[in-house]
Amino acid sequence: MHYQHVCRVIGPALCLALAATASAQDEGKLSITVFNDAYFVSNHHDSSVNGMSGFWFRRIYLTYDRELEGGFAARIRFEAASPGDFTTDDKLATKIKDAYLSHTGAGGTAYFGLTNNPLIGSYEPYHKGYRAVEKAPLDLFKMSASRDTGIGFKGHLGDKTDYWLMVGNDSGTGSETNKGKAFYLNINNKLAPNVDLNVTTVYLDKDGTDHWTTVAAFLGFKGDKFEGSLFYGHQARSIAAGPDVSLDVVSVYLASQVSDTVKPFFRADFVNGAVPDADKITYLKLATTASPSLFIFGVDMKLSESVNVIPSFEWVTYSNPTVGPTPNSDLIFRLTVVTKF
């Protein structure tokens, strides 16, 4: 895919970034990643979505990384995506996904700007291979954004333990909207060469009256032929106007490299209650009146160093409705083409 064709697809904002950086390829790294789906909704609790099919760009990333002098480095990443709400026919929406300066010294690495936060970012080594299929659990169920703007620091506590601190706006990729802040603390302990135990705690002072507290932990394994993780997250939302919300998420992920080019995978997420704003989860649109359980099955097939094809399906069942009958299940089939260059 030629860069000029990419510009026509992802719009003028990304073209400006491409033009500004293309001449500096010898001084940095410019990369593009595309998640493109063909989809079919076989069954859905919302009758208006049931039977829909089509094609969309779930993500297009344009990333420029630059090593600077004195231990400094910088990254800017633009993102474009289809709306994914099954109703909007707008053009691809573009935004800045990452924009930060970092400095690495003897004690660790400091970050300043818009970057991934420790709650979602710490899980990436066990999820990034299948970000093309679905978001990480807490990001998916709208319990946390994947990004925040602020200042962070990654360092070491001995040979086997790392930490990650961050203070941010709690604004995702948006601008500052309140006086509250987000405080993140992540600890990762390497139990064995291929095994990690990771714990994160987050306190969000939403606006001086509402407070969200999140604790998450996962045990992850990555080997040559097999990888997997067991994840648990708990979030308590204290809401002045009420009612308070308490959510628990358990997620299991397994994948096996059966050959050099074929990797089947499975993921199951279980939530103990109805998820607020679940109907705003893009590319799925879950029910808001019952507890969802999500099952993902797929096969990652590597066609070349730059292209992977991933047939998969996502099946959502519901239980414990808060009002009315239990919603019907959702079943969505996808064929995802991942292109990186």
C-alpha atoms as a PDB file:
ATOM      1  CA  MET A   1       0.000   0.000   0.000  1.00  0.00           C
ATOM      2  CA  HIS A   2       1.497   3.307  -1.105  1.00  0.00           C
ATOM      3  CA  TYR A   3       1.631   6.231   1.376  1.00  0.00           C
ATOM      4  CA  GLN A   4      -0.404   8.412  -1.009  1.00  0.00           C
ATOM      5  CA  HIS A   5      -3.196   5.845  -0.984  1.00  0.00           C
ATOM      6  CA  VAL A   6      -3.085   5.765   2.808  1.00  0.00           C
ATOM      7  CA  CYS A   7      -3.481   9.566   2.833  1.00  0.00           C
ATOM      8  CA  ARG A   8      -6.633   9.338   0.743  1.00  0.00           C
ATOM      9  CA  VAL A   9      -8.071   6.781   3.156  1.00  0.00           C
ATOM     10  CA  ILE A  10      -7.195   8.265   6.536  1.00  0.00           C
ATOM     11  CA  GLY A  11      -7.739  11.939   5.802  1.00  0.00           C
ATOM     12  CA  PRO A  12      -5.915  15.273   5.799  1.00  0.00           C
ATOM     13  CA  ALA A  13      -4.848  15.337   9.457  1.00  0.00           C
ATOM     14  CA  LEU A  14      -2.775  12.217   9.037  1.00  0.00           C
ATOM     15  CA  CYS A  15      -1.513  13.369   5.655  1.00  0.00           C
ATOM     16  CA  LEU A  16      -0.041  16.458   7.272  1.00  0.00           C
ATOM     17  CA  ALA A  17       1.768  14.285   9.788  1.00  0.00           C
ATOM     18  CA  LEU A  18       2.968  11.993   7.015  1.00  0.00           C
ATOM     19  CA  ALA A  19       4.274  14.902   4.962  1.00  0.00           C
ATOM     20  CA  ALA A  20       6.058  16.366   7.960  1.00  0.00           C
ATOM     21  CA  THR A  21       7.836  13.148   8.817  1.00  0.00           C
ATOM     22  CA  ALA A  22       8.412  11.387   5.516  1.00  0.00           C
ATOM     23  CA  SER A  23      11.469  13.493   4.784  1.00  0.00           C
ATOM     24  CA  ALA A  24      12.989  12.511   8.134  1.00  0.00           C
ATOM     25  CA  GLN A  25      12.975   8.741   7.681  1.00  0.00           C
ATOM     26  CA  ASP A  26      16.730   8.605   8.169  1.00  0.00           C
ATOM     27  CA  GLU A  27      16.304  10.210  11.613  1.00  0.00           C
ATOM     28  CA  GLY A  28      13.319   8.274  12.945  1.00  0.00           C
ATOM     29  CA  LYS A  29      10.873   5.468  12.260  1.00  0.00           C
ATOM     30  CA  LEU A  30       7.539   5.898  10.508  1.00  0.00           C
ATOM     31  CA  SER A  31       5.139   2.950  10.711  1.00  0.00           C
ATOM     32  CA  ILE A  32       1.536   2.230   9.732  1.00  0.00           C
ATOM     33  CA  THR A  33      -0.799  -0.434  11.117  1.00  0.00           C
ATOM     34  CA  VAL A  34      -4.266  -1.179   9.713  1.00  0.00           C
ATOM     35  CA  PHE A  35      -7.056  -3.345  11.193  1.00  0.00           C
ATOM     36  CA  ASN A  36      -9.642  -3.902   8.460  1.00  0.00           C
ATOM     37  CA  ASP A  37     -12.733  -6.069   9.022  1.00  0.00           C
ATOM     38  CA  ALA A  38     -15.419  -7.801   7.053  1.00  0.00           C
ATOM     39  CA  TYR A  39     -18.200  -8.584   9.549  1.00  0.00           C
ATOM     40  CA  PHE A  40     -21.590 -10.274   9.814  1.00  0.00           C
ATOM     41  CA  VAL A  41     -23.950  -9.978  12.791  1.00  0.00           C
ATOM     42  CA  SER A  42     -25.563 -13.403  12.968  1.00  0.00           C
ATOM     43  CA  ASN A  43     -27.578 -12.629  16.097  1.00  0.00           C
ATOM     44  CA  HIS A  44     -28.014  -9.546  18.304  1.00  0.00           C
ATOM     45  CA  HIS A  45     -30.185  -8.498  21.234  1.00  0.00           C
ATOM     46  CA  ASP A  46     -30.907  -5.257  19.336  1.00  0.00           C
ATOM     47  CA  SER A  47     -33.141  -6.213  16.409  1.00  0.00           C
ATOM     48  CA  SER A  48     -31.964  -3.176  14.413  1.00  0.00           C
ATOM     49  CA  VAL A  49     -28.401  -4.566  14.445  1.00  0.00           C
ATOM     50  CA  ASN A  50     -29.317  -8.206  13.853  1.00  0.00           C
ATOM     51  CA  GLY A  51     -28.336  -9.344  10.346  1.00  0.00           C
ATOM     52  CA  MET A  52     -26.099  -6.375   9.565  1.00  0.00           C
ATOM     53  CA  SER A  53     -22.922  -6.918   7.566  1.00  0.00           C
ATOM     54  CA  GLY A  54     -20.238  -4.833   5.920  1.00  0.00           C
ATOM     55  CA  PHE A  55     -16.660  -3.631   6.029  1.00  0.00           C
ATOM     56  CA  TRP A  56     -14.945  -1.164   8.344  1.00  0.00           C
ATOM     57  CA  PHE A  57     -11.575   0.085   9.482  1.00  0.00           C
ATOM     58  CA  ARG A  58     -11.468  -0.583  13.208  1.00  0.00           C
ATOM     59  CA  ARG A  59      -8.086   1.113  13.478  1.00  0.00           C
ATOM     60  CA  ILE A  60      -5.490   2.817  11.323  1.00  0.00           C
ATOM     61  CA  TYR A  61      -2.364   3.898  13.191  1.00  0.00           C
ATOM     62  CA  LEU A  62       0.266   6.250  11.804  1.00  0.00           C
ATOM     63  CA  THR A  63       3.209   6.335  14.235  1.00  0.00           C
ATOM     64  CA  TYR A  64       6.434   8.312  14.170  1.00  0.00           C
ATOM     65  CA  ASP A  65       9.166   7.438  16.696  1.00  0.00           C
ATOM     66  CA  ARG A  66      12.314   9.500  16.995  1.00  0.00           C
ATOM     67  CA  GLU A  67      15.393   8.950  19.161  1.00  0.00           C
ATOM     68  CA  LEU A  68      16.777  12.289  20.335  1.00  0.00           C
ATOM     69  CA  GLU A  69      20.100  13.198  21.864  1.00  0.00           C
ATOM     70  CA  GLY A  70      20.818  12.946  25.596  1.00  0.00           C
ATOM     71  CA  GLY A  71      18.617   9.931  26.284  1.00  0.00           C
ATOM     72  CA  PHE A  72      15.440  11.636  25.038  1.00  0.00           C
ATOM     73  CA  ALA A  73      12.915  10.133  22.627  1.00  0.00           C
ATOM     74  CA  ALA A  74       9.558  11.225  21.224  1.00  0.00           C
ATOM     75  CA  ARG A  75       6.507   9.569  19.729  1.00  0.00           C
ATOM     76  CA  ILE A  76       3.441  10.869  17.934  1.00  0.00           C
ATOM     77  CA  ARG A  77       0.699   8.512  16.814  1.00  0.00           C
ATOM     78  CA  PHE A  78      -2.413   9.394  14.857  1.00  0.00           C
ATOM     79  CA  GLU A  79      -5.449   7.127  14.799  1.00  0.00           C
ATOM     80  CA  ALA A  80      -8.357   6.830  12.389  1.00  0.00           C
ATOM     81  CA  ALA A  81     -11.358   4.527  12.763  1.00  0.00           C
ATOM     82  CA  SER A  82     -14.858   3.857  11.477  1.00  0.00           C
ATOM     83  CA  PRO A  83     -17.600   4.938  13.925  1.00  0.00           C
ATOM     84  CA  GLY A  84     -18.534   1.311  14.696  1.00  0.00           C
ATOM     85  CA  ASP A  85     -21.917   2.082  16.317  1.00  0.00           C
ATOM     86  CA  PHE A  86     -23.990   0.421  13.549  1.00  0.00           C
ATOM     87  CA  THR A  87     -25.893   3.666  12.875  1.00  0.00           C
ATOM     88  CA  THR A  88     -23.440   6.470  12.022  1.00  0.00           C
ATOM     89  CA  ASP A  89     -22.303   6.812   8.416  1.00  0.00           C
ATOM     90  CA  ASP A  90     -19.673   9.508   9.041  1.00  0.00           C
ATOM     91  CA  LYS A  91     -16.205   9.478   7.527  1.00  0.00           C
ATOM     92  CA  LEU A  92     -13.308   7.957   9.436  1.00  0.00           C
ATOM     93  CA  ALA A  93     -12.741   9.851  12.683  1.00  0.00           C
ATOM     94  CA  THR A  94      -9.138  10.917  13.312  1.00  0.00           C
ATOM     95  CA  LYS A  95      -7.411  11.867  16.553  1.00  0.00           C
ATOM     96  CA  ILE A  96      -4.030  11.932  18.244  1.00  0.00           C
ATOM     97  CA  LYS A  97      -3.464   8.674  20.131  1.00  0.00           C
ATOM     98  CA  ASP A  98       0.059   9.258  21.517  1.00  0.00           C
ATOM     99  CA  ALA A  99       2.115  12.429  21.856  1.00  0.00           C
ATOM    100  CA  TYR A 100       4.882  12.257  24.424  1.00  0.00           C
ATOM    101  CA  LEU A 101       8.490  12.942  25.254  1.00  0.00           C
ATOM    102  CA  SER A 102      10.483  10.369  27.220  1.00  0.00           C
ATOM    103  CA  HIS A 103      13.877  10.316  28.868  1.00  0.00           C
ATOM    104  CA  THR A 104      15.790   7.188  29.824  1.00  0.00           C
ATOM    105  CA  GLY A 105      18.529   7.321  32.426  1.00  0.00           C
ATOM    106  CA  ALA A 106      20.195   5.030  34.932  1.00  0.00           C
ATOM    107  CA  GLY A 107      17.122   4.995  37.206  1.00  0.00           C
ATOM    108  CA  GLY A 108      14.486   4.292  34.558  1.00  0.00           C
ATOM    109  CA  THR A 109      12.349   6.101  31.996  1.00  0.00           C
ATOM    110  CA  ALA A 110      10.224   9.212  32.509  1.00  0.00           C
ATOM    111  CA  TYR A 111       7.273  10.077  30.242  1.00  0.00           C
ATOM    112  CA  PHE A 112       5.530  13.407  29.723  1.00  0.00           C
ATOM    113  CA  GLY A 113       2.457  13.872  27.535  1.00  0.00           C
ATOM    114  CA  LEU A 114      -0.281  11.673  26.107  1.00  0.00           C
ATOM    115  CA  THR A 115       0.657   8.013  26.516  1.00  0.00           C
ATOM    116  CA  ASN A 116      -0.743   4.633  27.497  1.00  0.00           C
ATOM    117  CA  ASN A 117      -1.597   4.379  31.179  1.00  0.00           C
ATOM    118  CA  PRO A 118      -0.324   1.659  33.541  1.00  0.00           C
ATOM    119  CA  LEU A 119      -3.726  -0.011  33.991  1.00  0.00           C
ATOM    120  CA  ILE A 120      -4.094  -0.923  30.314  1.00  0.00           C
ATOM    121  CA  GLY A 121      -0.465  -0.586  29.210  1.00  0.00           C
ATOM    122  CA  SER A 122       0.833  -3.147  31.712  1.00  0.00           C
ATOM    123  CA  TYR A 123      -1.376  -5.807  30.118  1.00  0.00           C
ATOM    124  CA  GLU A 124      -0.213  -5.080  26.561  1.00  0.00           C
ATOM    125  CA  PRO A 125       2.575  -7.704  26.472  1.00  0.00           C
ATOM    126  CA  TYR A 126      -0.148 -10.324  26.952  1.00  0.00           C
ATOM    127  CA  HIS A 127      -2.710  -8.730  24.670  1.00  0.00           C
ATOM    128  CA  LYS A 128      -1.031  -6.683  21.935  1.00  0.00           C
ATOM    129  CA  GLY A 129      -0.965  -9.599  19.494  1.00  0.00           C
ATOM    130  CA  TYR A 130      -4.769  -9.618  19.512  1.00  0.00           C
ATOM    131  CA  ARG A 131      -5.529  -5.932  19.829  1.00  0.00           C
ATOM    132  CA  ALA A 132      -6.520  -6.364  16.192  1.00  0.00           C
ATOM    133  CA  VAL A 133      -9.376  -8.595  17.391  1.00  0.00           C
ATOM    134  CA  GLU A 134     -10.542  -6.889  20.597  1.00  0.00           C
ATOM    135  CA  LYS A 135      -9.597  -4.419  23.318  1.00  0.00           C
ATOM    136  CA  ALA A 136      -8.226  -5.429  26.727  1.00  0.00           C
ATOM    137  CA  PRO A 137     -11.039  -6.251  29.225  1.00  0.00           C
ATOM    138  CA  LEU A 138     -11.172  -3.034  31.285  1.00  0.00           C
ATOM    139  CA  ASP A 139     -10.846  -0.901  28.153  1.00  0.00           C
ATOM    140  CA  LEU A 140     -13.551  -2.904  26.384  1.00  0.00           C
ATOM    141  CA  PHE A 141     -16.071  -2.633  29.244  1.00  0.00           C
ATOM    142  CA  LYS A 142     -15.471   1.120  29.624  1.00  0.00           C
ATOM    143  CA  MET A 143     -13.853   0.813  33.033  1.00  0.00           C
ATOM    144  CA  SER A 144     -10.740   2.653  31.843  1.00  0.00           C
ATOM    145  CA  ALA A 145      -9.431   4.472  28.811  1.00  0.00           C
ATOM    146  CA  SER A 146      -6.216   3.104  27.324  1.00  0.00           C
ATOM    147  CA  ARG A 147      -4.518   6.532  27.348  1.00  0.00           C
ATOM    148  CA  ASP A 148      -4.074   9.501  29.643  1.00  0.00           C
ATOM    149  CA  THR A 149      -2.202  12.787  29.582  1.00  0.00           C
ATOM    150  CA  GLY A 150       0.236  13.377  32.404  1.00  0.00           C
ATOM    151  CA  ILE A 151       3.636  12.414  33.728  1.00  0.00           C
ATOM    152  CA  GLY A 152       4.862   8.896  34.457  1.00  0.00           C
ATOM    153  CA  PHE A 153       7.950   6.973  35.440  1.00  0.00           C
ATOM    154  CA  LYS A 154       9.039   3.367  34.917  1.00  0.00           C
ATOM    155  CA  GLY A 155      11.811   1.948  37.091  1.00  0.00           C
ATOM    156  CA  HIS A 156      13.188  -1.176  38.757  1.00  0.00           C
ATOM    157  CA  LEU A 157      12.973  -2.589  42.266  1.00  0.00           C
ATOM    158  CA  GLY A 158      15.665  -5.218  41.988  1.00  0.00           C
ATOM    159  CA  ASP A 159      16.343  -7.713  39.226  1.00  0.00           C
ATOM    160  CA  LYS A 160      12.836  -9.181  39.018  1.00  0.00           C
ATOM    161  CA  THR A 161      10.475  -6.362  39.959  1.00  0.00           C
ATOM    162  CA  ASP A 162       9.504  -3.274  37.953  1.00  0.00           C
ATOM    163  CA  TYR A 163       7.221  -0.385  38.849  1.00  0.00           C
ATOM    164  CA  TRP A 164       5.265   2.171  36.855  1.00  0.00           C
ATOM    165  CA  LEU A 165       3.880   5.382  38.357  1.00  0.00           C
ATOM    166  CA  MET A 166       1.680   7.937  36.636  1.00  0.00           C
ATOM    167  CA  VAL A 167      -0.373  11.026  37.472  1.00  0.00           C
ATOM    168  CA  GLY A 168      -2.785  12.036  34.731  1.00  0.00           C
ATOM    169  CA  ASN A 169      -5.861  14.050  33.824  1.00  0.00           C
ATOM    170  CA  ASP A 170      -8.206  11.045  33.621  1.00  0.00           C
ATOM    171  CA  SER A 171      -9.188  12.428  30.230  1.00  0.00           C
ATOM    172  CA  GLY A 172      -8.281   9.587  27.872  1.00  0.00           C
ATOM    173  CA  THR A 173      -7.226  11.129  24.566  1.00  0.00           C
ATOM    174  CA  GLY A 174      -9.351  14.216  25.272  1.00  0.00           C
ATOM    175  CA  SER A 175      -8.595  17.503  26.989  1.00  0.00           C
ATOM    176  CA  GLU A 176      -8.723  18.348  30.692  1.00  0.00           C
ATOM    177  CA  THR A 177     -12.381  18.643  31.756  1.00  0.00           C
ATOM    178  CA  ASN A 178     -12.349  18.736  35.562  1.00  0.00           C
ATOM    179  CA  LYS A 179     -10.243  19.490  38.626  1.00  0.00           C
ATOM    180  CA  GLY A 180      -9.747  15.847  39.545  1.00  0.00           C
ATOM    181  CA  LYS A 181      -6.762  13.699  38.609  1.00  0.00           C
ATOM    182  CA  ALA A 182      -5.875  10.053  38.108  1.00  0.00           C
ATOM    183  CA  PHE A 183      -3.213   8.262  40.166  1.00  0.00           C
ATOM    184  CA  TYR A 184      -1.745   4.983  38.903  1.00  0.00           C
ATOM    185  CA  LEU A 185       0.636   2.490  40.513  1.00  0.00           C
ATOM    186  CA  ASN A 186       1.717  -0.705  38.786  1.00  0.00           C
ATOM    187  CA  ILE A 187       4.068  -3.425  40.068  1.00  0.00           C
ATOM    188  CA  ASN A 188       5.280  -6.297  37.884  1.00  0.00           C
ATOM    189  CA  ASN A 189       7.172  -9.246  39.351  1.00  0.00           C
ATOM    190  CA  LYS A 190       8.873 -11.802  37.132  1.00  0.00           C
ATOM    191  CA  LEU A 191       8.204 -15.094  38.894  1.00  0.00           C
ATOM    192  CA  ALA A 192      10.100 -17.041  36.210  1.00  0.00           C
ATOM    193  CA  PRO A 193      11.698 -16.177  32.840  1.00  0.00           C
ATOM    194  CA  ASN A 194       8.329 -16.584  31.067  1.00  0.00           C
ATOM    195  CA  VAL A 195       5.917 -15.854  33.942  1.00  0.00           C
ATOM    196  CA  ASP A 196       4.787 -12.452  35.257  1.00  0.00           C
ATOM    197  CA  LEU A 197       2.579 -11.448  38.171  1.00  0.00           C
ATOM    198  CA  ASN A 198       1.265  -7.939  37.642  1.00  0.00           C
ATOM    199  CA  VAL A 199      -0.804  -5.736  40.005  1.00  0.00           C
ATOM    200  CA  THR A 200      -2.204  -2.247  39.331  1.00  0.00           C
ATOM    201  CA  THR A 201      -4.190   0.134  41.508  1.00  0.00           C
ATOM    202  CA  VAL A 202      -5.838   3.316  40.249  1.00  0.00           C
ATOM    203  CA  TYR A 203      -7.638   6.131  42.030  1.00  0.00           C
ATOM    204  CA  LEU A 204      -9.707   8.531  39.922  1.00  0.00           C
ATOM    205  CA  ASP A 205     -10.932  11.784  41.445  1.00  0.00           C
ATOM    206  CA  LYS A 206     -13.515  12.390  38.744  1.00  0.00           C
ATOM    207  CA  ASP A 207     -14.715  15.879  39.667  1.00  0.00           C
ATOM    208  CA  GLY A 208     -14.263  16.284  43.396  1.00  0.00           C
ATOM    209  CA  THR A 209     -17.499  14.433  44.176  1.00  0.00           C
ATOM    210  CA  ASP A 210     -17.283  11.125  42.274  1.00  0.00           C
ATOM    211  CA  HIS A 211     -14.419   8.720  42.910  1.00  0.00           C
ATOM    212  CA  TRP A 212     -13.468   5.508  41.104  1.00  0.00           C
ATOM    213  CA  THR A 213     -11.066   2.991  42.627  1.00  0.00           C
ATOM    214  CA  THR A 214      -9.734   0.136  40.504  1.00  0.00           C
ATOM    215  CA  VAL A 215      -7.564  -2.836  41.424  1.00  0.00           C
ATOM    216  CA  ALA A 216      -6.417  -5.252  38.721  1.00  0.00           C
ATOM    217  CA  ALA A 217      -4.059  -8.221  38.649  1.00  0.00           C
ATOM    218  CA  PHE A 218      -3.010 -10.810  36.128  1.00  0.00           C
ATOM    219  CA  LEU A 219      -0.793 -13.836  35.909  1.00  0.00           C
ATOM    220  CA  GLY A 220       0.731 -14.185  32.454  1.00  0.00           C
ATOM    221  CA  PHE A 221       2.853 -16.768  30.644  1.00  0.00           C
ATOM    222  CA  LYS A 222       4.602 -16.345  27.279  1.00  0.00           C
ATOM    223  CA  GLY A 223       6.504 -19.253  25.778  1.00  0.00           C
ATOM    224  CA  ASP A 224       7.657 -20.207  22.290  1.00  0.00           C
ATOM    225  CA  LYS A 225       4.575 -22.348  21.552  1.00  0.00           C
ATOM    226  CA  PHE A 226       2.033 -21.281  24.161  1.00  0.00           C
ATOM    227  CA  GLU A 227       0.887 -18.107  25.887  1.00  0.00           C
ATOM    228  CA  GLY A 228      -1.926 -17.236  28.233  1.00  0.00           C
ATOM    229  CA  SER A 229      -3.111 -15.060  31.064  1.00  0.00           C
ATOM    230  CA  LEU A 230      -5.597 -15.013  33.911  1.00  0.00           C
ATOM    231  CA  PHE A 231      -6.882 -11.506  34.639  1.00  0.00           C
ATOM    232  CA  TYR A 232      -9.043 -10.062  37.416  1.00  0.00           C
ATOM    233  CA  GLY A 233     -10.241  -6.498  37.811  1.00  0.00           C
ATOM    234  CA  HIS A 234     -12.428  -4.820  40.430  1.00  0.00           C
ATOM    235  CA  GLN A 235     -13.814  -1.292  40.218  1.00  0.00           C
ATOM    236  CA  ALA A 236     -15.816   0.610  42.844  1.00  0.00           C
ATOM    237  CA  ARG A 237     -17.471   3.832  41.714  1.00  0.00           C
ATOM    238  CA  SER A 238     -18.602   6.201  44.447  1.00  0.00           C
ATOM    239  CA  ILE A 239     -21.137   8.510  42.786  1.00  0.00           C
ATOM    240  CA  ALA A 240     -22.522  11.484  44.690  1.00  0.00           C
ATOM    241  CA  ALA A 241     -25.804  11.499  42.763  1.00  0.00           C
ATOM    242  CA  GLY A 242     -26.028   7.716  43.171  1.00  0.00           C
ATOM    243  CA  PRO A 243     -26.312   4.868  42.828  1.00  0.00           C
ATOM    244  CA  ASP A 244     -22.782   3.555  43.451  1.00  0.00           C
ATOM    245  CA  VAL A 245     -21.439   0.944  41.022  1.00  0.00           C
ATOM    246  CA  SER A 246     -19.287  -2.119  41.727  1.00  0.00           C
ATOM    247  CA  LEU A 247     -17.949  -4.231  38.869  1.00  0.00           C
ATOM    248  CA  ASP A 248     -15.770  -7.345  38.777  1.00  0.00           C
ATOM    249  CA  VAL A 249     -14.218  -8.746  35.601  1.00  0.00           C
ATOM    250  CA  VAL A 250     -12.483 -12.087  35.136  1.00  0.00           C
ATOM    251  CA  SER A 251     -10.744 -12.820  31.831  1.00  0.00           C
ATOM    252  CA  VAL A 252      -8.960 -15.922  30.536  1.00  0.00           C
ATOM    253  CA  TYR A 253      -6.781 -15.837  27.428  1.00  0.00           C
ATOM    254  CA  LEU A 254      -5.044 -18.806  25.740  1.00  0.00           C
ATOM    255  CA  ALA A 255      -3.136 -19.125  22.450  1.00  0.00           C
ATOM    256  CA  SER A 256      -0.989 -21.834  20.883  1.00  0.00           C
ATOM    257  CA  GLN A 257       1.550 -21.515  18.052  1.00  0.00           C
ATOM    258  CA  VAL A 258       0.688 -24.736  16.227  1.00  0.00           C
ATOM    259  CA  SER A 259       2.950 -23.877  13.271  1.00  0.00           C
ATOM    260  CA  ASP A 260       5.131 -21.025  12.055  1.00  0.00           C
ATOM    261  CA  THR A 261       2.113 -19.340  10.462  1.00  0.00           C
ATOM    262  CA  VAL A 262      -0.950 -20.551  12.403  1.00  0.00           C
ATOM    263  CA  LYS A 263      -1.954 -19.533  15.925  1.00  0.00           C
ATOM    264  CA  PRO A 264      -5.437 -20.332  17.269  1.00  0.00           C
ATOM    265  CA  PHE A 265      -6.602 -18.395  20.336  1.00  0.00           C
ATOM    266  CA  PHE A 266      -9.440 -18.219  22.824  1.00  0.00           C
ATOM    267  CA  ARG A 267     -10.602 -15.568  25.285  1.00  0.00           C
ATOM    268  CA  ALA A 268     -13.444 -15.480  27.790  1.00  0.00           C
ATOM    269  CA  ASP A 269     -14.542 -12.441  29.834  1.00  0.00           C
ATOM    270  CA  PHE A 270     -17.067 -12.578  32.670  1.00  0.00           C
ATOM    271  CA  VAL A 271     -18.614  -9.478  34.289  1.00  0.00           C
ATOM    272  CA  ASN A 272     -20.627  -9.715  37.515  1.00  0.00           C
ATOM    273  CA  GLY A 273     -23.126  -6.974  36.696  1.00  0.00           C
ATOM    274  CA  ALA A 274     -24.651  -4.792  34.022  1.00  0.00           C
ATOM    275  CA  VAL A 275     -22.049  -2.513  32.426  1.00  0.00           C
ATOM    276  CA  PRO A 276     -22.917   1.215  32.293  1.00  0.00           C
ATOM    277  CA  ASP A 277     -22.770   2.565  28.728  1.00  0.00           C
ATOM    278  CA  ALA A 278     -22.353  -0.951  27.337  1.00  0.00           C
ATOM    279  CA  ASP A 279     -24.454   0.108  24.350  1.00  0.00           C
ATOM    280  CA  LYS A 280     -21.648   2.534  23.437  1.00  0.00           C
ATOM    281  CA  ILE A 281     -19.042  -0.236  23.087  1.00  0.00           C
ATOM    282  CA  THR A 282     -18.034   0.135  19.467  1.00  0.00           C
ATOM    283  CA  TYR A 283     -18.243  -2.782  17.023  1.00  0.00           C
ATOM    284  CA  LEU A 284     -20.287  -4.800  19.570  1.00  0.00           C
ATOM    285  CA  LYS A 285     -23.016  -2.620  21.201  1.00  0.00           C
ATOM    286  CA  LEU A 286     -23.770  -4.725  24.280  1.00  0.00           C
ATOM    287  CA  ALA A 287     -26.932  -4.687  26.380  1.00  0.00           C
ATOM    288  CA  THR A 288     -26.991  -2.383  29.430  1.00  0.00           C
ATOM    289  CA  THR A 289     -29.533  -4.350  31.491  1.00  0.00           C
ATOM    290  CA  ALA A 290     -27.717  -7.623  32.239  1.00  0.00           C
ATOM    291  CA  SER A 291     -24.314  -9.150  33.042  1.00  0.00           C
ATOM    292  CA  PRO A 292     -22.364  -9.966  29.856  1.00  0.00           C
ATOM    293  CA  SER A 293     -20.106 -12.950  29.256  1.00  0.00           C
ATOM    294  CA  LEU A 294     -17.906 -12.655  26.175  1.00  0.00           C
ATOM    295  CA  PHE A 295     -16.305 -15.572  24.308  1.00  0.00           C
ATOM    296  CA  ILE A 296     -13.831 -15.034  21.462  1.00  0.00           C
ATOM    297  CA  PHE A 297     -12.499 -17.782  19.196  1.00  0.00           C
ATOM    298  CA  GLY A 298     -10.129 -17.151  16.319  1.00  0.00           C
ATOM    299  CA  VAL A 299      -7.133 -18.224  14.272  1.00  0.00           C
ATOM    300  CA  ASP A 300      -4.254 -15.896  13.443  1.00  0.00           C
ATOM    301  CA  MET A 301      -2.803 -16.837  10.046  1.00  0.00           C
ATOM    302  CA  LYS A 302       0.438 -15.163   9.013  1.00  0.00           C
ATOM    303  CA  LEU A 303       0.571 -14.608   5.252  1.00  0.00           C
ATOM    304  CA  SER A 304       3.783 -12.581   5.269  1.00  0.00           C
ATOM    305  CA  GLU A 305       5.911 -10.489   7.603  1.00  0.00           C
ATOM    306  CA  SER A 306       3.513  -7.593   7.000  1.00  0.00           C
ATOM    307  CA  VAL A 307       0.094  -9.245   6.585  1.00  0.00           C
ATOM    308  CA  ASN A 308      -1.985 -11.433   8.922  1.00  0.00           C
ATOM    309  CA  VAL A 309      -5.529 -12.695   8.361  1.00  0.00           C
ATOM    310  CA  ILE A 310      -7.630 -13.488  11.448  1.00  0.00           C
ATOM    311  CA  PRO A 311     -11.038 -15.164  11.116  1.00  0.00           C
ATOM    312  CA  SER A 312     -12.852 -15.005  14.452  1.00  0.00           C
ATOM    313  CA  PHE A 313     -16.216 -14.751  16.151  1.00  0.00           C
ATOM    314  CA  GLU A 314     -17.391 -13.023  19.299  1.00  0.00           C
ATOM    315  CA  TRP A 315     -20.304 -14.522  21.229  1.00  0.00           C
ATOM    316  CA  VAL A 316     -21.928 -12.630  24.104  1.00  0.00           C
ATOM    317  CA  THR A 317     -24.436 -14.182  26.494  1.00  0.00           C
ATOM    318  CA  TYR A 318     -26.342 -12.394  29.268  1.00  0.00           C
ATOM    319  CA  SER A 319     -27.522 -13.250  32.766  1.00  0.00           C
ATOM    320  CA  ASN A 320     -28.991 -11.601  35.888  1.00  0.00           C
ATOM    321  CA  PRO A 321     -31.049  -8.886  34.164  1.00  0.00           C
ATOM    322  CA  THR A 322     -31.639  -5.757  36.232  1.00  0.00           C
ATOM    323  CA  VAL A 323     -34.905  -4.980  34.429  1.00  0.00           C
ATOM    324  CA  GLY A 324     -37.059  -6.930  32.017  1.00  0.00           C
ATOM    325  CA  PRO A 325     -36.251 -10.288  30.425  1.00  0.00           C
ATOM    326  CA  THR A 326     -32.731 -11.586  29.775  1.00  0.00           C
ATOM    327  CA  PRO A 327     -31.457 -10.091  26.474  1.00  0.00           C
ATOM    328  CA  ASN A 328     -30.841 -12.405  23.546  1.00  0.00           C
ATOM    329  CA  SER A 329     -27.233 -13.360  22.881  1.00  0.00           C
ATOM    330  CA  ASP A 330     -24.992 -11.558  20.372  1.00  0.00           C
ATOM    331  CA  LEU A 331     -22.942 -13.399  17.740  1.00  0.00           C
ATOM    332  CA  ILE A 332     -20.644 -11.523  15.373  1.00  0.00           C
ATOM    333  CA  PHE A 333     -18.369 -13.114  12.769  1.00  0.00           C
ATOM    334  CA  ARG A 334     -15.320 -11.214  11.534  1.00  0.00           C
ATOM    335  CA  LEU A 335     -12.533 -11.589   9.033  1.00  0.00           C
ATOM    336  CA  THR A 336      -9.754  -9.204  10.086  1.00  0.00           C
ATOM    337  CA  VAL A 337      -6.843  -8.274   7.845  1.00  0.00           C
ATOM    338  CA  VAL A 338      -3.885  -6.797   9.726  1.00  0.00           C
ATOM    339  CA  THR A 339      -1.345  -4.878   7.676  1.00  0.00           C
ATOM    340  CA  LYS A 340       1.870  -3.462   9.136  1.00  0.00           C
ATOM    341  CA  PHE A 341       4.584  -1.588   7.275  1.00  0.00           C
END
